Amino acid sequence: MCARCGTTAHGAQPTWTYSVEGGVRRYFCDACARENIRAIEGRLDSDWW
């Protein structure tokens, strides 16, 4: 499930982006990752986006 929008993956394992925040892996769907790629690359926690 996407940590940002709540989208769930169906079928095969998705190729989603993930971020480790506070020792926990958080997965983001392709749409949310595209919208926030600069923040992800800057290693900002998703709370900042």
PDB file of N, CA and C in Angstrom:
ATOM      1  N   MET A   1       0.835  -1.176   0.000  1.00  0.00           N
ATOM      2  CA  MET A   1       0.000   0.000   0.000  1.00  0.00           C
ATOM      3  C   MET A   1       0.887   1.249   0.000  1.00  0.00           C
ATOM      4  N   CYS A   2       0.522   2.231  -0.802  1.00  0.00           N
ATOM      5  CA  CYS A   2       1.284   3.481  -0.883  1.00  0.00           C
ATOM      6  C   CYS A   2       1.128   4.256   0.425  1.00  0.00           C
ATOM      7  N   ALA A   3       2.249   4.682   0.997  1.00  0.00           N
ATOM      8  CA  ALA A   3       2.241   5.412   2.265  1.00  0.00           C
ATOM      9  C   ALA A   3       1.683   6.824   2.110  1.00  0.00           C
ATOM     10  N   ARG A   4       1.591   7.318   0.893  1.00  0.00           N
ATOM     11  CA  ARG A   4       1.108   8.686   0.677  1.00  0.00           C
ATOM     12  C   ARG A   4      -0.377   8.730   0.319  1.00  0.00           C
ATOM     13  N   CYS A   5      -0.795   7.982  -0.701  1.00  0.00           N
ATOM     14  CA  CYS A   5      -2.177   8.083  -1.184  1.00  0.00           C
ATOM     15  C   CYS A   5      -3.049   6.888  -0.830  1.00  0.00           C
ATOM     16  N   GLY A   6      -2.434   5.789  -0.378  1.00  0.00           N
ATOM     17  CA  GLY A   6      -3.213   4.620   0.022  1.00  0.00           C
ATOM     18  C   GLY A   6      -3.517   3.640  -1.095  1.00  0.00           C
ATOM     19  N   THR A   7      -3.013   3.891  -2.303  1.00  0.00           N
ATOM     20  CA  THR A   7      -3.223   2.972  -3.423  1.00  0.00           C
ATOM     21  C   THR A   7      -2.657   1.612  -3.066  1.00  0.00           C
ATOM     22  N   THR A   8      -3.376   0.556  -3.427  1.00  0.00           N
ATOM     23  CA  THR A   8      -2.868  -0.795  -3.182  1.00  0.00           C
ATOM     24  C   THR A   8      -2.429  -1.414  -4.493  1.00  0.00           C
ATOM     25  N   ALA A   9      -1.436  -2.270  -4.404  1.00  0.00           N
ATOM     26  CA  ALA A   9      -0.914  -2.959  -5.588  1.00  0.00           C
ATOM     27  C   ALA A   9      -1.698  -4.249  -5.782  1.00  0.00           C
ATOM     28  N   HIS A  10      -2.013  -4.547  -7.026  1.00  0.00           N
ATOM     29  CA  HIS A  10      -2.722  -5.783  -7.366  1.00  0.00           C
ATOM     30  C   HIS A  10      -1.849  -6.596  -8.303  1.00  0.00           C
ATOM     31  N   GLY A  11      -1.871  -7.895  -8.127  1.00  0.00           N
ATOM     32  CA  GLY A  11      -1.111  -8.762  -9.018  1.00  0.00           C
ATOM     33  C   GLY A  11       0.328  -8.911  -8.576  1.00  0.00           C
ATOM     34  N   ALA A  12       1.223  -8.867  -9.559  1.00  0.00           N
ATOM     35  CA  ALA A  12       2.659  -9.056  -9.287  1.00  0.00           C
ATOM     36  C   ALA A  12       3.211  -7.931  -8.412  1.00  0.00           C
ATOM     37  N   GLN A  13       4.325  -8.196  -7.776  1.00  0.00           N
ATOM     38  CA  GLN A  13       4.960  -7.194  -6.913  1.00  0.00           C
ATOM     39  C   GLN A  13       5.292  -5.942  -7.720  1.00  0.00           C
ATOM     40  N   PRO A  14       4.842  -4.771  -7.248  1.00  0.00           N
ATOM     41  CA  PRO A  14       5.076  -3.534  -8.008  1.00  0.00           C
ATOM     42  C   PRO A  14       6.520  -3.068  -7.931  1.00  0.00           C
ATOM     43  N   THR A  15       6.886  -2.166  -8.811  1.00  0.00           N
ATOM     44  CA  THR A  15       8.225  -1.571  -8.830  1.00  0.00           C
ATOM     45  C   THR A  15       8.149  -0.178  -8.216  1.00  0.00           C
ATOM     46  N   TRP A  16       7.602  -0.101  -7.030  1.00  0.00           N
ATOM     47  CA  TRP A  16       7.414   1.173  -6.365  1.00  0.00           C
ATOM     48  C   TRP A  16       8.702   1.652  -5.725  1.00  0.00           C
ATOM     49  N   THR A  17       8.760   2.951  -5.462  1.00  0.00           N
ATOM     50  CA  THR A  17       9.886   3.572  -4.769  1.00  0.00           C
ATOM     51  C   THR A  17       9.681   3.386  -3.275  1.00  0.00           C
ATOM     52  N   TYR A  18      10.766   3.250  -2.545  1.00  0.00           N
ATOM     53  CA  TYR A  18      10.614   3.199  -1.096  1.00  0.00           C
ATOM     54  C   TYR A  18      11.620   4.116  -0.436  1.00  0.00           C
ATOM     55  N   SER A  19      11.286   4.497   0.774  1.00  0.00           N
ATOM     56  CA  SER A  19      12.141   5.370   1.567  1.00  0.00           C
ATOM     57  C   SER A  19      12.184   4.798   2.972  1.00  0.00           C
ATOM     58  N   VAL A  20      13.341   4.858   3.613  1.00  0.00           N
ATOM     59  CA  VAL A  20      13.454   4.397   4.992  1.00  0.00           C
ATOM     60  C   VAL A  20      13.400   5.625   5.880  1.00  0.00           C
ATOM     61  N   GLU A  21      12.356   5.710   6.684  1.00  0.00           N
ATOM     62  CA  GLU A  21      12.139   6.853   7.565  1.00  0.00           C
ATOM     63  C   GLU A  21      11.956   6.342   8.990  1.00  0.00           C
ATOM     64  N   GLY A  22      12.842   6.739   9.867  1.00  0.00           N
ATOM     65  CA  GLY A  22      12.760   6.284  11.252  1.00  0.00           C
ATOM     66  C   GLY A  22      12.935   4.778  11.380  1.00  0.00           C
ATOM     67  N   GLY A  23      13.718   4.193  10.464  1.00  0.00           N
ATOM     68  CA  GLY A  23      13.969   2.756  10.498  1.00  0.00           C
ATOM     69  C   GLY A  23      12.854   1.922   9.888  1.00  0.00           C
ATOM     70  N   VAL A  24      11.829   2.572   9.321  1.00  0.00           N
ATOM     71  CA  VAL A  24      10.696   1.868   8.728  1.00  0.00           C
ATOM     72  C   VAL A  24      10.669   2.129   7.229  1.00  0.00           C
ATOM     73  N   ARG A  25      10.493   1.070   6.443  1.00  0.00           N
ATOM     74  CA  ARG A  25      10.403   1.209   4.989  1.00  0.00           C
ATOM     75  C   ARG A  25       9.005   1.678   4.620  1.00  0.00           C
ATOM     76  N   ARG A  26       8.909   2.760   3.855  1.00  0.00           N
ATOM     77  CA  ARG A  26       7.630   3.294   3.390  1.00  0.00           C
ATOM     78  C   ARG A  26       7.637   3.253   1.872  1.00  0.00           C
ATOM     79  N   TYR A  27       6.626   2.612   1.288  1.00  0.00           N
ATOM     80  CA  TYR A  27       6.532   2.457  -0.164  1.00  0.00           C
ATOM     81  C   TYR A  27       5.634   3.533  -0.753  1.00  0.00           C
ATOM     82  N   PHE A  28       5.993   4.006  -1.955  1.00  0.00           N
ATOM     83  CA  PHE A  28       5.242   5.036  -2.658  1.00  0.00           C
ATOM     84  C   PHE A  28       4.954   4.575  -4.074  1.00  0.00           C
ATOM     85  N   CYS A  29       3.704   4.729  -4.511  1.00  0.00           N
ATOM     86  CA  CYS A  29       3.315   4.324  -5.867  1.00  0.00           C
ATOM     87  C   CYS A  29       4.031   5.203  -6.894  1.00  0.00           C
ATOM     88  N   ASP A  30       3.949   4.792  -8.153  1.00  0.00           N
ATOM     89  CA  ASP A  30       4.635   5.523  -9.217  1.00  0.00           C
ATOM     90  C   ASP A  30       4.169   6.977  -9.317  1.00  0.00           C
ATOM     91  N   ALA A  31       2.863   7.210  -9.177  1.00  0.00           N
ATOM     92  CA  ALA A  31       2.331   8.580  -9.297  1.00  0.00           C
ATOM     93  C   ALA A  31       2.855   9.475  -8.171  1.00  0.00           C
ATOM     94  N   CYS A  32       2.823   9.005  -6.945  1.00  0.00           N
ATOM     95  CA  CYS A  32       3.311   9.805  -5.818  1.00  0.00           C
ATOM     96  C   CYS A  32       4.817  10.023  -5.911  1.00  0.00           C
ATOM     97  N   ALA A  33       5.549   8.997  -6.357  1.00  0.00           N
ATOM     98  CA  ALA A  33       6.998   9.130  -6.508  1.00  0.00           C
ATOM     99  C   ALA A  33       7.332  10.183  -7.563  1.00  0.00           C
ATOM    100  N   ARG A  34       6.600  10.181  -8.695  1.00  0.00           N
ATOM    101  CA  ARG A  34       6.843  11.166  -9.750  1.00  0.00           C
ATOM    102  C   ARG A  34       6.573  12.583  -9.255  1.00  0.00           C
ATOM    103  N   GLU A  35       5.496  12.762  -8.500  1.00  0.00           N
ATOM    104  CA  GLU A  35       5.132  14.088  -7.982  1.00  0.00           C
ATOM    105  C   GLU A  35       6.171  14.642  -7.010  1.00  0.00           C
ATOM    106  N   ASN A  36       6.857  13.751  -6.299  1.00  0.00           N
ATOM    107  CA  ASN A  36       7.732  14.176  -5.207  1.00  0.00           C
ATOM    108  C   ASN A  36       9.167  13.719  -5.366  1.00  0.00           C
ATOM    109  N   ILE A  37       9.613  13.480  -6.594  1.00  0.00           N
ATOM    110  CA  ILE A  37      10.940  12.911  -6.828  1.00  0.00           C
ATOM    111  C   ILE A  37      12.068  13.775  -6.270  1.00  0.00           C
ATOM    112  N   ARG A  38      11.943  15.083  -6.362  1.00  0.00           N
ATOM    113  CA  ARG A  38      13.021  15.947  -5.836  1.00  0.00           C
ATOM    114  C   ARG A  38      13.135  15.820  -4.314  1.00  0.00           C
ATOM    115  N   ALA A  39      12.021  15.748  -3.632  1.00  0.00           N
ATOM    116  CA  ALA A  39      12.043  15.577  -2.174  1.00  0.00           C
ATOM    117  C   ALA A  39      12.605  14.209  -1.798  1.00  0.00           C
ATOM    118  N   ILE A  40      12.251  13.189  -2.576  1.00  0.00           N
ATOM    119  CA  ILE A  40      12.760  11.836  -2.313  1.00  0.00           C
ATOM    120  C   ILE A  40      14.271  11.810  -2.518  1.00  0.00           C
ATOM    121  N   GLU A  41      14.743  12.373  -3.627  1.00  0.00           N
ATOM    122  CA  GLU A  41      16.181  12.398  -3.898  1.00  0.00           C
ATOM    123  C   GLU A  41      16.924  13.246  -2.866  1.00  0.00           C
ATOM    124  N   GLY A  42      16.276  14.263  -2.333  1.00  0.00           N
ATOM    125  CA  GLY A  42      16.872  15.101  -1.300  1.00  0.00           C
ATOM    126  C   GLY A  42      16.797  14.469   0.081  1.00  0.00           C
ATOM    127  N   ARG A  43      16.231  13.268   0.126  1.00  0.00           N
ATOM    128  CA  ARG A  43      16.096  12.480   1.356  1.00  0.00           C
ATOM    129  C   ARG A  43      15.275  13.203   2.442  1.00  0.00           C
ATOM    130  N   LEU A  44      14.293  13.971   2.003  1.00  0.00           N
ATOM    131  CA  LEU A  44      13.386  14.592   2.952  1.00  0.00           C
ATOM    132  C   LEU A  44      12.341  13.570   3.381  1.00  0.00           C
ATOM    133  N   ASP A  45      11.999  13.542   4.652  1.00  0.00           N
ATOM    134  CA  ASP A  45      10.945  12.649   5.119  1.00  0.00           C
ATOM    135  C   ASP A  45       9.641  13.008   4.428  1.00  0.00           C
ATOM    136  N   SER A  46       8.783  12.046   4.219  1.00  0.00           N
ATOM    137  CA  SER A  46       7.531  12.292   3.510  1.00  0.00           C
ATOM    138  C   SER A  46       6.625  13.276   4.256  1.00  0.00           C
ATOM    139  N   ASP A  47       6.842  13.487   5.533  1.00  0.00           N
ATOM    140  CA  ASP A  47       6.068  14.489   6.275  1.00  0.00           C
ATOM    141  C   ASP A  47       6.309  15.888   5.712  1.00  0.00           C
ATOM    142  N   TRP A  48       7.449  16.124   5.092  1.00  0.00           N
ATOM    143  CA  TRP A  48       7.792  17.440   4.538  1.00  0.00           C
ATOM    144  C   TRP A  48       7.145  17.707   3.184  1.00  0.00           C
ATOM    145  N   TRP A  49       6.693  16.648   2.459  1.00  0.00           N
ATOM    146  CA  TRP A  49       6.118  16.867   1.162  1.00  0.00           C
ATOM    147  C   TRP A  49       4.692  17.213   1.332  1.00  0.00           C
TER     148      TRP A  49
END
